Amino acid sequence: MTISCDDIQITPAQQLTRSTITRALQPPKQGQTPPEYVRIKHGHYLQTPQNLNEKDIYEAKLIAGLARLKATSEAQKHTVFTLESACLLYGFNINNANPPISIVRPVSSNRHRYRYPPLWLAGNYISGVAVEPITCKVSPLRVRKVQGMLAVEPIELICTLLRRRPPLPAMIAVDSACQQLCKADARHREQTELRFAQLKEQVLQRLEELRHCKGYHQAKELAALMTPWAQSPLETRFRLICAAWDFPSPILQHLVRAEGEKFFLDAFFPESAVGVEIDGLSKYQTPNALAQEKRRHHKIERQGIHLIRFTFDDLRNPVSVQRELASLMPQVMVAPRVRLYLLAGW
């Protein structure tokens, strides 16, 4: 389900009946039809979107996040969103589906903070979040209108994420931004790499302008890890594990020709002929998906590639992933340079 701010309707309390408001404020009971409205903040109510999947908590959090952005923008028309809030508007992946509302705060403005209350949306409880003012000392601020609201431009957003967020949440959002901005297509690798080189050059130039700002040194190190080829947050997690223990950088979305077919591996280490597949739940949503994946697996291995798989649970334990990779690539573990700070925010 693709969701945009146009699908989200926020209604002032004055336009609703007392009974509608009363029902909107009550926690839903099991088996009860969800209320037509839920409270976003004092005096403002979100109309529950139709066809909302009650089992999809991520979708519910996304709707709540966009509704909070819309309510914030309507209260103050010139609000500029940054960090995860801007990512929601652009459609980039984020690590936390229910992030704080991050707004750009000029140096001279009030430091007042406030919170959005928790809410129930289609049977899903979504915790409240704070409005996080981010001080901006940089001028000029680069802004564009996205879905009718103001957000920092993508280059500015990438630099802010690299400077202000821990490595994991920063790189999940940045990798997603690179993929979308470069229109990554493994079938046209050269064109994608050219677009990415131009994007990375712009990011590095902007970081040099920010070299006296907090987080500059972290941002420079993380910028070296940017890629347009990580197709999911799990693939970003895997790359950070490799970088933390100084494994060779894998080739992402590596093309393998096997028995007249073309396959793309999530990651490939040519020095050891080791291929890696990251198994998310989306791979196995159809009845015959598992059987097809097994046939694909065997065809790739018959090309002399040792194929290993990691799930989300595996990637939550970086040390176990490191040990398995080290057992398959002992020649690269002579004097590892461990950078465990890359696993911050795990």
Foldseek 3Di string as FASTA:
>chain_A
DDDALVQKDKDFPVVDDPVLVVLQDDQDDPPDDRRQWHDFAVRIIIGAGPPDDLVDLLVVLLNSLSNNVVVVCVVPVQWEWAAVSVCSLVVFDFDDSNAATETEDEPPDDPDKDKTQWGAHSNDTGHIHIYHYDYDPDPPFAWDAGSNGIYGDPLVRLLCLQQPDQQLRSQSRQLRSLQVQLVDDLVPHVSSVVSSVVSLVSNVVVLVVVVVPGRSVSSVVSSVVHDNQQPHSLLVLVQLLCVQFVHPRWDAQDWDQFPNDIGTFRTADVVLLETEHEDDPVQPPDPCSVVVVVVVVVRSVVVVHHYDYDYPVRSVDSVVVVVVVCVRPVVVNPPTDGRCSSVPPD
